[in-house]
Full PDB file with SEQRES, HELIX, SHEET, SSBOND, CRYST1, ORIGX, SCALE, CONECT and MASTER records, all heavy atoms in Angstrom:
SEQRES   1 A   36  LEU LYS THR GLY GLU SER GLU HIS PHE ASP ILE ASN GLY          
SEQRES   2 A   36  TYR LYS LYS HIS CYS LEU MET GLU GLY LEU ASP ASP ILE          
SEQRES   3 A   36  ASP PHE LEU VAL GLN ASN GLN HIS LEU ILE                      
HELIX    1 AA1 GLY A   13  GLU A   21  1                                   9    
HELIX    2 AA2 ASP A   25  GLN A   31  1                                   7    
CRYST1    1.000    1.000    1.000  90.00  90.00  90.00 P 1           1          
ORIGX1      1.000000  0.000000  0.000000        0.00000                         
ORIGX2      0.000000  1.000000  0.000000        0.00000                         
ORIGX3      0.000000  0.000000  1.000000        0.00000                         
SCALE1      1.000000  0.000000  0.000000        0.00000                         
SCALE2      0.000000  1.000000  0.000000        0.00000                         
SCALE3      0.000000  0.000000  1.000000        0.00000                         
ATOM      1  N   LEU A   1      55.666 -14.040 -61.269  1.00  0.00           N  
ATOM      2  CA  LEU A   1      55.912 -13.043 -62.313  1.00  0.00           C  
ATOM      3  C   LEU A   1      56.475 -13.656 -63.592  1.00  0.00           C  
ATOM      4  O   LEU A   1      56.493 -12.999 -64.635  1.00  0.00           O  
ATOM      5  CB  LEU A   1      56.828 -11.937 -61.788  1.00  0.00           C  
ATOM      6  CG  LEU A   1      56.236 -11.094 -60.650  1.00  0.00           C  
ATOM      7  CD1 LEU A   1      57.252 -10.046 -60.175  1.00  0.00           C  
ATOM      8  CD2 LEU A   1      54.928 -10.424 -61.054  1.00  0.00           C  
ATOM      9  N   LYS A   2      56.902 -14.911 -63.525  1.00  0.00           N  
ATOM     10  CA  LYS A   2      57.395 -15.604 -64.731  1.00  0.00           C  
ATOM     11  C   LYS A   2      56.224 -15.995 -65.632  1.00  0.00           C  
ATOM     12  O   LYS A   2      56.311 -15.888 -66.849  1.00  0.00           O  
ATOM     13  CB  LYS A   2      58.181 -16.852 -64.303  1.00  0.00           C  
ATOM     14  CG  LYS A   2      58.919 -17.539 -65.417  1.00  0.00           C  
ATOM     15  CD  LYS A   2      60.192 -16.808 -65.730  1.00  0.00           C  
ATOM     16  CE  LYS A   2      60.986 -17.545 -66.780  1.00  0.00           C  
ATOM     17  NZ  LYS A   2      62.111 -16.737 -67.252  1.00  0.00           N  
ATOM     18  N   THR A   3      55.123 -16.465 -65.002  1.00  0.00           N  
ATOM     19  CA  THR A   3      53.977 -16.978 -65.772  1.00  0.00           C  
ATOM     20  C   THR A   3      52.774 -16.042 -65.723  1.00  0.00           C  
ATOM     21  O   THR A   3      51.856 -16.181 -66.528  1.00  0.00           O  
ATOM     22  CB  THR A   3      53.538 -18.336 -65.209  1.00  0.00           C  
ATOM     23  OG1 THR A   3      53.079 -18.146 -63.851  1.00  0.00           O  
ATOM     24  CG2 THR A   3      54.660 -19.350 -65.250  1.00  0.00           C  
ATOM     25  N   GLY A   4      52.766 -15.120 -64.757  1.00  0.00           N  
ATOM     26  CA  GLY A   4      51.607 -14.254 -64.567  1.00  0.00           C  
ATOM     27  C   GLY A   4      50.502 -14.887 -63.739  1.00  0.00           C  
ATOM     28  O   GLY A   4      49.483 -14.259 -63.445  1.00  0.00           O  
ATOM     29  N   GLU A   5      50.703 -16.144 -63.377  1.00  0.00           N  
ATOM     30  CA  GLU A   5      49.694 -16.861 -62.577  1.00  0.00           C  
ATOM     31  C   GLU A   5      49.594 -16.226 -61.181  1.00  0.00           C  
ATOM     32  O   GLU A   5      50.597 -15.916 -60.553  1.00  0.00           O  
ATOM     33  CB  GLU A   5      50.112 -18.331 -62.458  1.00  0.00           C  
ATOM     34  CG  GLU A   5      49.079 -19.243 -61.851  1.00  0.00           C  
ATOM     35  CD  GLU A   5      49.526 -20.710 -61.841  1.00  0.00           C  
ATOM     36  OE1 GLU A   5      50.687 -20.997 -62.224  1.00  0.00           O  
ATOM     37  OE2 GLU A   5      48.709 -21.551 -61.439  1.00  0.00           O  
ATOM     38  N   SER A   6      48.358 -16.035 -60.718  1.00  0.00           N  
ATOM     39  CA  SER A   6      48.148 -15.343 -59.449  1.00  0.00           C  
ATOM     40  C   SER A   6      47.074 -16.065 -58.631  1.00  0.00           C  
ATOM     41  O   SER A   6      46.154 -16.662 -59.204  1.00  0.00           O  
ATOM     42  CB  SER A   6      47.723 -13.906 -59.732  1.00  0.00           C  
ATOM     43  OG  SER A   6      47.716 -13.143 -58.547  1.00  0.00           O  
ATOM     44  N   GLU A   7      47.211 -16.023 -57.323  1.00  0.00           N  
ATOM     45  CA  GLU A   7      46.196 -16.592 -56.441  1.00  0.00           C  
ATOM     46  C   GLU A   7      45.962 -15.666 -55.248  1.00  0.00           C  
ATOM     47  O   GLU A   7      46.854 -14.906 -54.857  1.00  0.00           O  
ATOM     48  CB  GLU A   7      46.628 -17.979 -55.905  1.00  0.00           C  
ATOM     49  CG  GLU A   7      46.360 -19.094 -56.857  1.00  0.00           C  
ATOM     50  CD  GLU A   7      46.456 -20.474 -56.212  1.00  0.00           C  
ATOM     51  OE1 GLU A   7      46.830 -20.608 -55.024  1.00  0.00           O  
ATOM     52  OE2 GLU A   7      46.134 -21.449 -56.919  1.00  0.00           O  
ATOM     53  N   HIS A   8      44.778 -15.773 -54.689  1.00  0.00           N  
ATOM     54  CA  HIS A   8      44.415 -15.056 -53.468  1.00  0.00           C  
ATOM     55  C   HIS A   8      44.774 -15.957 -52.278  1.00  0.00           C  
ATOM     56  O   HIS A   8      44.655 -17.178 -52.367  1.00  0.00           O  
ATOM     57  CB  HIS A   8      42.913 -14.773 -53.466  1.00  0.00           C  
ATOM     58  CG  HIS A   8      42.445 -14.007 -52.267  1.00  0.00           C  
ATOM     59  ND1 HIS A   8      42.027 -14.630 -51.102  1.00  0.00           N  
ATOM     60  CD2 HIS A   8      42.337 -12.680 -52.033  1.00  0.00           C  
ATOM     61  CE1 HIS A   8      41.685 -13.712 -50.219  1.00  0.00           C  
ATOM     62  NE2 HIS A   8      41.869 -12.519 -50.753  1.00  0.00           N  
ATOM     63  N   PHE A   9      45.262 -15.370 -51.176  1.00  0.00           N  
ATOM     64  CA  PHE A   9      45.520 -16.175 -49.977  1.00  0.00           C  
ATOM     65  C   PHE A   9      44.796 -15.559 -48.781  1.00  0.00           C  
ATOM     66  O   PHE A   9      44.489 -14.370 -48.757  1.00  0.00           O  
ATOM     67  CB  PHE A   9      47.024 -16.300 -49.698  1.00  0.00           C  
ATOM     68  CG  PHE A   9      47.739 -15.002 -49.441  1.00  0.00           C  
ATOM     69  CD1 PHE A   9      47.820 -14.456 -48.156  1.00  0.00           C  
ATOM     70  CD2 PHE A   9      48.376 -14.323 -50.479  1.00  0.00           C  
ATOM     71  CE1 PHE A   9      48.492 -13.261 -47.918  1.00  0.00           C  
ATOM     72  CE2 PHE A   9      49.045 -13.117 -50.248  1.00  0.00           C  
ATOM     73  CZ  PHE A   9      49.110 -12.597 -48.963  1.00  0.00           C  
ATOM     74  N   ASP A  10      44.515 -16.398 -47.804  1.00  0.00           N  
ATOM     75  CA  ASP A  10      43.804 -15.973 -46.596  1.00  0.00           C  
ATOM     76  C   ASP A  10      44.788 -15.608 -45.491  1.00  0.00           C  
ATOM     77  O   ASP A  10      45.880 -16.186 -45.416  1.00  0.00           O  
ATOM     78  CB  ASP A  10      42.882 -17.086 -46.083  1.00  0.00           C  
ATOM     79  CG  ASP A  10      41.715 -17.341 -47.027  1.00  0.00           C  
ATOM     80  OD1 ASP A  10      41.223 -16.370 -47.635  1.00  0.00           O  
ATOM     81  OD2 ASP A  10      41.317 -18.513 -47.167  1.00  0.00           O  
ATOM     82  N   ILE A  11      44.387 -14.663 -44.655  1.00  0.00           N  
ATOM     83  CA  ILE A  11      45.165 -14.321 -43.465  1.00  0.00           C  
ATOM     84  C   ILE A  11      44.197 -13.735 -42.440  1.00  0.00           C  
ATOM     85  O   ILE A  11      43.259 -13.021 -42.805  1.00  0.00           O  
ATOM     86  CB  ILE A  11      46.326 -13.330 -43.778  1.00  0.00           C  
ATOM     87  CG1 ILE A  11      47.136 -13.041 -42.514  1.00  0.00           C  
ATOM     88  CG2 ILE A  11      45.809 -12.050 -44.424  1.00  0.00           C  
ATOM     89  CD1 ILE A  11      48.417 -12.248 -42.742  1.00  0.00           C  
ATOM     90  N   ASN A  12      44.434 -14.046 -41.179  1.00  0.00           N  
ATOM     91  CA  ASN A  12      43.660 -13.482 -40.081  1.00  0.00           C  
ATOM     92  C   ASN A  12      43.763 -11.948 -40.137  1.00  0.00           C  
ATOM     93  O   ASN A  12      44.853 -11.401 -40.290  1.00  0.00           O  
ATOM     94  CB  ASN A  12      44.238 -14.050 -38.777  1.00  0.00           C  
ATOM     95  CG  ASN A  12      43.683 -13.385 -37.541  1.00  0.00           C  
ATOM     96  OD1 ASN A  12      44.050 -12.266 -37.203  1.00  0.00           O  
ATOM     97  ND2 ASN A  12      42.808 -14.080 -36.861  1.00  0.00           N  
ATOM     98  N   GLY A  13      42.630 -11.259 -40.014  1.00  0.00           N  
ATOM     99  CA  GLY A  13      42.594  -9.809 -40.132  1.00  0.00           C  
ATOM    100  C   GLY A  13      43.473  -9.088 -39.124  1.00  0.00           C  
ATOM    101  O   GLY A  13      44.139  -8.096 -39.455  1.00  0.00           O  
ATOM    102  N   TYR A  14      43.481  -9.584 -37.885  1.00  0.00           N  
ATOM    103  CA  TYR A  14      44.314  -8.976 -36.845  1.00  0.00           C  
ATOM    104  C   TYR A  14      45.796  -9.112 -37.191  1.00  0.00           C  
ATOM    105  O   TYR A  14      46.580  -8.163 -37.082  1.00  0.00           O  
ATOM    106  CB  TYR A  14      44.000  -9.616 -35.489  1.00  0.00           C  
ATOM    107  CG  TYR A  14      45.013  -9.325 -34.420  1.00  0.00           C  
ATOM    108  CD1 TYR A  14      45.132  -8.034 -33.887  1.00  0.00           C  
ATOM    109  CD2 TYR A  14      45.856 -10.322 -33.931  1.00  0.00           C  
ATOM    110  CE1 TYR A  14      46.080  -7.750 -32.902  1.00  0.00           C  
ATOM    111  CE2 TYR A  14      46.793 -10.039 -32.944  1.00  0.00           C  
ATOM    112  CZ  TYR A  14      46.900  -8.761 -32.440  1.00  0.00           C  
ATOM    113  OH  TYR A  14      47.834  -8.478 -31.480  1.00  0.00           O  
ATOM    114  N   LYS A  15      46.187 -10.325 -37.626  1.00  0.00           N  
ATOM    115  CA  LYS A  15      47.596 -10.559 -37.968  1.00  0.00           C  
ATOM    116  C   LYS A  15      48.011  -9.742 -39.194  1.00  0.00           C  
ATOM    117  O   LYS A  15      49.136  -9.245 -39.268  1.00  0.00           O  
ATOM    118  CB  LYS A  15      47.850 -12.056 -38.209  1.00  0.00           C  
ATOM    119  CG  LYS A  15      47.834 -12.880 -36.942  1.00  0.00           C  
ATOM    120  CD  LYS A  15      48.930 -12.472 -36.006  1.00  0.00           C  
ATOM    121  CE  LYS A  15      48.995 -13.294 -34.749  1.00  0.00           C  
ATOM    122  NZ  LYS A  15      49.934 -12.730 -33.765  1.00  0.00           N  
ATOM    123  N   LYS A  16      47.110  -9.578 -40.137  1.00  0.00           N  
ATOM    124  CA  LYS A  16      47.396  -8.749 -41.306  1.00  0.00           C  
ATOM    125  C   LYS A  16      47.661  -7.310 -40.867  1.00  0.00           C  
ATOM    126  O   LYS A  16      48.650  -6.691 -41.297  1.00  0.00           O  
ATOM    127  CB  LYS A  16      46.214  -8.794 -42.282  1.00  0.00           C  
ATOM    128  CG  LYS A  16      46.381  -7.916 -43.517  1.00  0.00           C  
ATOM    129  CD  LYS A  16      45.184  -8.018 -44.442  1.00  0.00           C  
ATOM    130  CE  LYS A  16      45.328  -7.120 -45.654  1.00  0.00           C  
ATOM    131  NZ  LYS A  16      44.176  -7.245 -46.580  1.00  0.00           N  
ATOM    132  N   HIS A  17      46.808  -6.787 -39.984  1.00  0.00           N  
ATOM    133  CA  HIS A  17      46.979  -5.426 -39.467  1.00  0.00           C  
ATOM    134  C   HIS A  17      48.353  -5.295 -38.779  1.00  0.00           C  
ATOM    135  O   HIS A  17      49.079  -4.327 -39.016  1.00  0.00           O  
ATOM    136  CB  HIS A  17      45.851  -5.100 -38.478  1.00  0.00           C  
ATOM    137  CG  HIS A  17      46.069  -3.816 -37.734  1.00  0.00           C  
ATOM    138  ND1 HIS A  17      45.824  -2.570 -38.298  1.00  0.00           N  
ATOM    139  CD2 HIS A  17      46.531  -3.577 -36.468  1.00  0.00           C  
ATOM    140  CE1 HIS A  17      46.116  -1.638 -37.417  1.00  0.00           C  
ATOM    141  NE2 HIS A  17      46.551  -2.216 -36.306  1.00  0.00           N  
ATOM    142  N   CYS A  18      48.677  -6.269 -37.926  1.00  0.00           N  
ATOM    143  CA  CYS A  18      49.952  -6.204 -37.187  1.00  0.00           C  
ATOM    144  C   CYS A  18      51.155  -6.240 -38.133  1.00  0.00           C  
ATOM    145  O   CYS A  18      52.110  -5.484 -37.948  1.00  0.00           O  
ATOM    146  CB  CYS A  18      50.031  -7.336 -36.166  1.00  0.00           C  
ATOM    147  SG  CYS A  18      48.948  -7.082 -34.734  1.00  0.00           S  
ATOM    148  N   LEU A  19      51.111  -7.104 -39.146  1.00  0.00           N  
ATOM    149  CA  LEU A  19      52.215  -7.174 -40.116  1.00  0.00           C  
ATOM    150  C   LEU A  19      52.362  -5.853 -40.874  1.00  0.00           C  
ATOM    151  O   LEU A  19      53.479  -5.347 -41.045  1.00  0.00           O  
ATOM    152  CB  LEU A  19      51.975  -8.312 -41.111  1.00  0.00           C  
ATOM    153  CG  LEU A  19      52.273  -9.740 -40.658  1.00  0.00           C  
ATOM    154  CD1 LEU A  19      51.830 -10.734 -41.716  1.00  0.00           C  
ATOM    155  CD2 LEU A  19      53.757  -9.939 -40.354  1.00  0.00           C  
ATOM    156  N   MET A  20      51.242  -5.298 -41.299  1.00  0.00           N  
ATOM    157  CA  MET A  20      51.303  -4.078 -42.093  1.00  0.00           C  
ATOM    158  C   MET A  20      51.723  -2.863 -41.284  1.00  0.00           C  
ATOM    159  O   MET A  20      52.340  -1.941 -41.808  1.00  0.00           O  
ATOM    160  CB  MET A  20      49.953  -3.830 -42.777  1.00  0.00           C  
ATOM    161  CG  MET A  20      49.676  -4.851 -43.878  1.00  0.00           C  
ATOM    162  SD  MET A  20      48.167  -4.511 -44.803  1.00  0.00           S  
ATOM    163  CE  MET A  20      48.612  -2.970 -45.602  1.00  0.00           C  
ATOM    164  N   GLU A  21      51.443  -2.907 -39.973  1.00  0.00           N  
ATOM    165  CA  GLU A  21      51.809  -1.779 -39.105  1.00  0.00           C  
ATOM    166  C   GLU A  21      53.122  -2.023 -38.361  1.00  0.00           C  
ATOM    167  O   GLU A  21      53.605  -1.143 -37.644  1.00  0.00           O  
ATOM    168  CB  GLU A  21      50.685  -1.516 -38.098  1.00  0.00           C  
ATOM    169  CG  GLU A  21      49.388  -1.042 -38.730  1.00  0.00           C  
ATOM    170  CD  GLU A  21      49.547   0.253 -39.527  1.00  0.00           C  
ATOM    171  OE1 GLU A  21      50.263   1.168 -39.048  1.00  0.00           O  
ATOM    172  OE2 GLU A  21      48.979   0.351 -40.639  1.00  0.00           O  
ATOM    173  N   GLY A  22      53.699  -3.226 -38.509  1.00  0.00           N  
ATOM    174  CA  GLY A  22      54.944  -3.536 -37.807  1.00  0.00           C  
ATOM    175  C   GLY A  22      54.753  -3.671 -36.304  1.00  0.00           C  
ATOM    176  O   GLY A  22      55.592  -3.225 -35.517  1.00  0.00           O  
ATOM    177  N   LEU A  23      53.644  -4.281 -35.888  1.00  0.00           N  
ATOM    178  CA  LEU A  23      53.309  -4.396 -34.471  1.00  0.00           C  
ATOM    179  C   LEU A  23      53.303  -5.847 -34.018  1.00  0.00           C  
ATOM    180  O   LEU A  23      52.719  -6.706 -34.693  1.00  0.00           O  
ATOM    181  CB  LEU A  23      51.900  -3.817 -34.208  1.00  0.00           C  
ATOM    182  CG  LEU A  23      51.604  -2.390 -34.643  1.00  0.00           C  
ATOM    183  CD1 LEU A  23      50.118  -2.107 -34.520  1.00  0.00           C  
ATOM    184  CD2 LEU A  23      52.410  -1.410 -33.816  1.00  0.00           C  
ATOM    185  N   ASP A  24      53.913  -6.140 -32.877  1.00  0.00           N  
ATOM    186  CA  ASP A  24      53.662  -7.431 -32.248  1.00  0.00           C  
ATOM    187  C   ASP A  24      52.487  -7.264 -31.283  1.00  0.00           C  
ATOM    188  O   ASP A  24      51.902  -6.173 -31.179  1.00  0.00           O  
ATOM    189  CB  ASP A  24      54.922  -8.001 -31.575  1.00  0.00           C  
ATOM    190  CG  ASP A  24      55.433  -7.150 -30.430  1.00  0.00           C  
ATOM    191  OD1 ASP A  24      54.670  -6.342 -29.863  1.00  0.00           O  
ATOM    192  OD2 ASP A  24      56.629  -7.297 -30.080  1.00  0.00           O  
ATOM    193  N   ASP A  25      52.112  -8.329 -30.572  1.00  0.00           N  
ATOM    194  CA  ASP A  25      50.926  -8.263 -29.709  1.00  0.00           C  
ATOM    195  C   ASP A  25      51.069  -7.196 -28.632  1.00  0.00           C  
ATOM    196  O   ASP A  25      50.103  -6.491 -28.317  1.00  0.00           O  
ATOM    197  CB  ASP A  25      50.674  -9.637 -29.066  1.00  0.00           C  
ATOM    198  CG  ASP A  25      50.230 -10.681 -30.101  1.00  0.00           C  
ATOM    199  OD1 ASP A  25      49.727 -10.283 -31.160  1.00  0.00           O  
ATOM    200  OD2 ASP A  25      50.385 -11.879 -29.830  1.00  0.00           O  
ATOM    201  N   ILE A  26      52.265  -7.064 -28.059  1.00  0.00           N  
ATOM    202  CA  ILE A  26      52.496  -6.064 -27.012  1.00  0.00           C  
ATOM    203  C   ILE A  26      52.384  -4.655 -27.585  1.00  0.00           C  
ATOM    204  O   ILE A  26      51.727  -3.775 -27.018  1.00  0.00           O  
ATOM    205  CB  ILE A  26      53.888  -6.246 -26.350  1.00  0.00           C  
ATOM    206  CG1 ILE A  26      54.045  -7.665 -25.778  1.00  0.00           C  
ATOM    207  CG2 ILE A  26      54.114  -5.187 -25.280  1.00  0.00           C  
ATOM    208  CD1 ILE A  26      53.150  -7.997 -24.627  1.00  0.00           C  
ATOM    209  N   ASP A  27      53.019  -4.450 -28.751  1.00  0.00           N  
ATOM    210  CA  ASP A  27      52.930  -3.139 -29.418  1.00  0.00           C  
ATOM    211  C   ASP A  27      51.471  -2.758 -29.660  1.00  0.00           C  
ATOM    212  O   ASP A  27      51.081  -1.606 -29.479  1.00  0.00           O  
ATOM    213  CB  ASP A  27      53.650  -3.163 -30.783  1.00  0.00           C  
ATOM    214  CG  ASP A  27      55.135  -3.412 -30.678  1.00  0.00           C  
ATOM    215  OD1 ASP A  27      55.747  -2.999 -29.676  1.00  0.00           O  
ATOM    216  OD2 ASP A  27      55.695  -4.037 -31.607  1.00  0.00           O  
ATOM    217  N   PHE A  28      50.692  -3.738 -30.094  1.00  0.00           N  
ATOM    218  CA  PHE A  28      49.281  -3.479 -30.408  1.00  0.00           C  
ATOM    219  C   PHE A  28      48.522  -3.044 -29.155  1.00  0.00           C  
ATOM    220  O   PHE A  28      47.739  -2.086 -29.187  1.00  0.00           O  
ATOM    221  CB  PHE A  28      48.629  -4.742 -31.003  1.00  0.00           C  
ATOM    222  CG  PHE A  28      47.175  -4.574 -31.337  1.00  0.00           C  
ATOM    223  CD1 PHE A  28      46.791  -3.954 -32.522  1.00  0.00           C  
ATOM    224  CD2 PHE A  28      46.189  -5.023 -30.465  1.00  0.00           C  
ATOM    225  CE1 PHE A  28      45.443  -3.793 -32.835  1.00  0.00           C  
ATOM    226  CE2 PHE A  28      44.845  -4.862 -30.765  1.00  0.00           C  
ATOM    227  CZ  PHE A  28      44.469  -4.244 -31.962  1.00  0.00           C  
ATOM    228  N   LEU A  29      48.777  -3.726 -28.032  1.00  0.00           N  
ATOM    229  CA  LEU A  29      48.117  -3.364 -26.776  1.00  0.00           C  
ATOM    230  C   LEU A  29      48.523  -1.960 -26.320  1.00  0.00           C  
ATOM    231  O   LEU A  29      47.678  -1.166 -25.896  1.00  0.00           O  
ATOM    232  CB  LEU A  29      48.436  -4.386 -25.678  1.00  0.00           C  
ATOM    233  CG  LEU A  29      47.767  -5.750 -25.834  1.00  0.00           C  
ATOM    234  CD1 LEU A  29      48.299  -6.721 -24.789  1.00  0.00           C  
ATOM    235  CD2 LEU A  29      46.250  -5.633 -25.713  1.00  0.00           C  
ATOM    236  N   VAL A  30      49.810  -1.660 -26.418  1.00  0.00           N  
ATOM    237  CA  VAL A  30      50.304  -0.332 -26.018  1.00  0.00           C  
ATOM    238  C   VAL A  30      49.661   0.744 -26.895  1.00  0.00           C  
ATOM    239  O   VAL A  30      49.214   1.780 -26.403  1.00  0.00           O  
ATOM    240  CB  VAL A  30      51.854  -0.269 -26.112  1.00  0.00           C  
ATOM    241  CG1 VAL A  30      52.341   1.161 -25.957  1.00  0.00           C  
ATOM    242  CG2 VAL A  30      52.486  -1.172 -25.053  1.00  0.00           C  
ATOM    243  N   GLN A  31      49.590   0.468 -28.202  1.00  0.00           N  
ATOM    244  CA  GLN A  31      49.004   1.425 -29.137  1.00  0.00           C  
ATOM    245  C   GLN A  31      47.528   1.686 -28.816  1.00  0.00           C  
ATOM    246  O   GLN A  31      47.012   2.776 -29.062  1.00  0.00           O  
ATOM    247  CB  GLN A  31      49.138   0.889 -30.576  1.00  0.00           C  
ATOM    248  CG  GLN A  31      48.860   1.912 -31.645  1.00  0.00           C  
ATOM    249  CD  GLN A  31      48.964   1.310 -33.037  1.00  0.00           C  
ATOM    250  OE1 GLN A  31      48.190   0.412 -33.398  1.00  0.00           O  
ATOM    251  NE2 GLN A  31      49.923   1.774 -33.828  1.00  0.00           N  
ATOM    252  N   ASN A  32      46.863   0.674 -28.256  1.00  0.00           N  
ATOM    253  CA  ASN A  32      45.433   0.797 -27.966  1.00  0.00           C  
ATOM    254  C   ASN A  32      45.132   0.958 -26.476  1.00  0.00           C  
ATOM    255  O   ASN A  32      44.002   0.738 -26.038  1.00  0.00           O  
ATOM    256  CB  ASN A  32      44.694  -0.407 -28.534  1.00  0.00           C  
ATOM    257  CG  ASN A  32      44.647  -0.378 -30.053  1.00  0.00           C  
ATOM    258  OD1 ASN A  32      43.850   0.336 -30.634  1.00  0.00           O  
ATOM    259  ND2 ASN A  32      45.539  -1.114 -30.690  1.00  0.00           N  
ATOM    260  N   GLN A  33      46.138   1.358 -25.720  1.00  0.00           N  
ATOM    261  CA  GLN A  33      45.977   1.494 -24.264  1.00  0.00           C  
ATOM    262  C   GLN A  33      44.838   2.437 -23.896  1.00  0.00           C  
ATOM    263  O   GLN A  33      44.067   2.168 -22.990  1.00  0.00           O  
ATOM    264  CB  GLN A  33      47.292   1.990 -23.643  1.00  0.00           C  
ATOM    265  CG  GLN A  33      47.254   2.018 -22.130  1.00  0.00           C  
ATOM    266  CD  GLN A  33      48.616   2.382 -21.540  1.00  0.00           C  
ATOM    267  OE1 GLN A  33      49.591   2.512 -22.268  1.00  0.00           O  
ATOM    268  NE2 GLN A  33      48.665   2.556 -20.240  1.00  0.00           N  
ATOM    269  N   HIS A  34      44.702   3.542 -24.645  1.00  0.00           N  
ATOM    270  CA  HIS A  34      43.636   4.501 -24.343  1.00  0.00           C  
ATOM    271  C   HIS A  34      42.247   3.874 -24.498  1.00  0.00           C  
ATOM    272  O   HIS A  34      41.338   4.152 -23.716  1.00  0.00           O  
ATOM    273  CB  HIS A  34      43.775   5.747 -25.229  1.00  0.00           C  
ATOM    274  CG  HIS A  34      43.585   5.475 -26.697  1.00  0.00           C  
ATOM    275  ND1 HIS A  34      44.501   4.786 -27.454  1.00  0.00           N  
ATOM    276  CD2 HIS A  34      42.562   5.792 -27.536  1.00  0.00           C  
ATOM    277  CE1 HIS A  34      44.077   4.699 -28.692  1.00  0.00           C  
ATOM    278  NE2 HIS A  34      42.896   5.297 -28.771  1.00  0.00           N  
ATOM    279  N   LEU A  35      42.111   2.981 -25.492  1.00  0.00           N  
ATOM    280  CA  LEU A  35      40.819   2.306 -25.689  1.00  0.00           C  
ATOM    281  C   LEU A  35      40.549   1.324 -24.556  1.00  0.00           C  
ATOM    282  O   LEU A  35      39.405   1.189 -24.100  1.00  0.00           O  
ATOM    283  CB  LEU A  35      40.813   1.568 -27.034  1.00  0.00           C  
ATOM    284  CG  LEU A  35      40.920   2.436 -28.289  1.00  0.00           C  
ATOM    285  CD1 LEU A  35      41.035   1.588 -29.532  1.00  0.00           C  
ATOM    286  CD2 LEU A  35      39.708   3.378 -28.389  1.00  0.00           C  
ATOM    287  N   ILE A  36      41.605   0.647 -24.102  1.00  0.00           N  
ATOM    288  CA  ILE A  36      41.457  -0.295 -22.979  1.00  0.00           C  
ATOM    289  C   ILE A  36      41.044   0.456 -21.720  1.00  0.00           C  
ATOM    290  O   ILE A  36      40.136   0.044 -20.997  1.00  0.00           O  
ATOM    291  CB  ILE A  36      42.772  -1.081 -22.763  1.00  0.00           C  
ATOM    292  CG1 ILE A  36      43.098  -1.942 -24.000  1.00  0.00           C  
ATOM    293  CG2 ILE A  36      42.690  -1.949 -21.506  1.00  0.00           C  
ATOM    294  CD1 ILE A  36      44.507  -2.469 -24.055  1.00  0.00           C  
TER     295      ILE A  36                                                      
MASTER        0    0    0    2    0    0    0    6  294    1    0    3          
END                                                                             
């Protein structure tokens, strides 16, 4: 924000979902138990 310089970064889609939803791997499995 000092210079305005910006870059795009990569992240695994599953890990991005977990971070944004506040889920660890166990939470994710529990949340999707019905699908399993």
